Amino acid sequence: MPRAVLGRALLLETALPLAPGVLLAGIGGGAIGLWYAALAEGGCWSAPWAVLLVPVAVHTASLRAAATAVPLPHRTPRPSEPRYA
């Protein structure tokens, strides 16, 4: 029971604070990219649609990195009592 709760809490505490930052960075980066594309092409608003996938890929990669720590509570004898170094 505590191991499942700790795993879900770890992923939730990674996903929720990360989402607004990744969203704002994606919007800001996309706006700068569109502005630069318009500047470089003489006023034409064209940009690769793959730019929209970058924030999703970053968020997914961050969650996958956090998910590598989920098996750690299985190795501790008492996961409800975290140890501090």
Protein backbone atom coordinates (compact mmCIF):
# COMPACT_ATOMS: atom_id res chain seq x y z
CA MET A 1 0.00 0.00 0.00
CA PRO A 2 2.57 2.68 0.95
CA ARG A 3 4.75 1.81 -2.03
CA ALA A 4 1.91 2.38 -4.50
CA VAL A 5 1.00 5.65 -2.83
CA LEU A 6 4.62 6.82 -2.86
CA GLY A 7 4.94 5.95 -6.56
CA ARG A 8 1.80 7.84 -7.50
CA ALA A 9 2.77 10.80 -5.33
CA LEU A 10 6.19 10.95 -6.96
CA LEU A 11 4.73 11.05 -10.46
CA LEU A 12 2.00 13.50 -9.48
CA GLU A 13 4.44 15.83 -7.74
CA THR A 14 6.58 15.77 -10.85
CA ALA A 15 3.81 16.22 -13.41
CA LEU A 16 1.76 18.99 -11.82
CA PRO A 17 4.47 21.59 -11.12
CA LEU A 18 6.20 20.83 -14.40
CA ALA A 19 3.15 21.26 -16.65
CA PRO A 20 2.67 25.07 -16.40
CA GLY A 21 6.35 25.76 -16.94
CA VAL A 22 6.59 23.49 -19.95
CA LEU A 23 3.36 24.96 -21.36
CA LEU A 24 4.56 28.55 -20.98
CA ALA A 25 7.99 27.71 -22.36
CA GLY A 26 6.37 25.95 -25.31
CA ILE A 27 4.10 28.90 -26.04
CA GLY A 28 6.97 31.38 -25.70
CA GLY A 29 9.32 29.30 -27.82
CA GLY A 30 6.64 28.78 -30.45
CA ALA A 31 5.90 32.51 -30.58
CA ILE A 32 9.58 33.35 -30.95
CA GLY A 33 9.94 30.66 -33.62
CA LEU A 34 6.97 31.99 -35.58
CA TRP A 35 8.26 35.55 -35.28
CA TYR A 36 11.71 34.50 -36.50
CA ALA A 37 10.21 32.45 -39.35
CA ALA A 38 8.14 35.45 -40.43
CA LEU A 39 11.18 37.70 -40.19
CA ALA A 40 13.37 35.31 -42.18
CA GLU A 41 10.81 34.58 -44.90
CA GLY A 42 9.64 38.12 -45.47
CA GLY A 43 6.32 38.14 -43.64
CA CYS A 44 5.09 34.62 -44.36
CA TRP A 45 3.81 32.85 -41.23
CA SER A 46 5.04 29.33 -41.77
CA ALA A 47 6.70 27.11 -39.22
CA PRO A 48 7.08 23.34 -38.85
CA TRP A 49 4.18 21.75 -36.99
CA ALA A 50 6.65 19.54 -35.14
CA VAL A 51 7.31 22.57 -32.92
CA LEU A 52 4.02 21.78 -31.15
CA LEU A 53 5.33 18.36 -30.15
CA VAL A 54 8.42 19.66 -28.33
CA PRO A 55 6.63 20.59 -25.06
CA VAL A 56 4.84 17.23 -25.06
CA ALA A 57 8.14 15.42 -25.62
CA VAL A 58 9.86 17.38 -22.83
CA HIS A 59 7.05 16.69 -20.37
CA THR A 60 7.01 13.00 -21.29
CA ALA A 61 10.78 12.72 -20.95
CA SER A 62 10.64 14.37 -17.53
CA LEU A 63 7.93 12.00 -16.33
CA ARG A 64 9.88 9.03 -17.64
CA ALA A 65 12.95 10.24 -15.78
CA ALA A 66 10.92 10.55 -12.58
CA ALA A 67 9.44 7.10 -13.17
CA THR A 68 12.91 5.58 -12.93
CA ALA A 69 12.84 6.46 -9.22
CA VAL A 70 9.53 4.64 -8.61
CA PRO A 71 11.14 1.20 -8.05
CA LEU A 72 13.32 2.62 -5.25
CA PRO A 73 10.69 2.19 -2.50
CA HIS A 74 10.61 -1.54 -3.32
CA ARG A 75 14.24 -1.81 -2.20
CA THR A 76 13.75 -0.23 1.21
CA PRO A 77 12.53 -2.30 4.14
CA ARG A 78 10.15 0.42 5.43
CA PRO A 79 9.15 2.81 2.61
CA SER A 80 6.86 4.81 4.88
CA GLU A 81 9.91 5.95 6.86
CA PRO A 82 12.25 7.78 4.45
CA ARG A 83 15.86 8.04 5.49
CA TYR A 84 17.76 11.28 5.29
CA ALA A 85 21.45 11.38 4.45
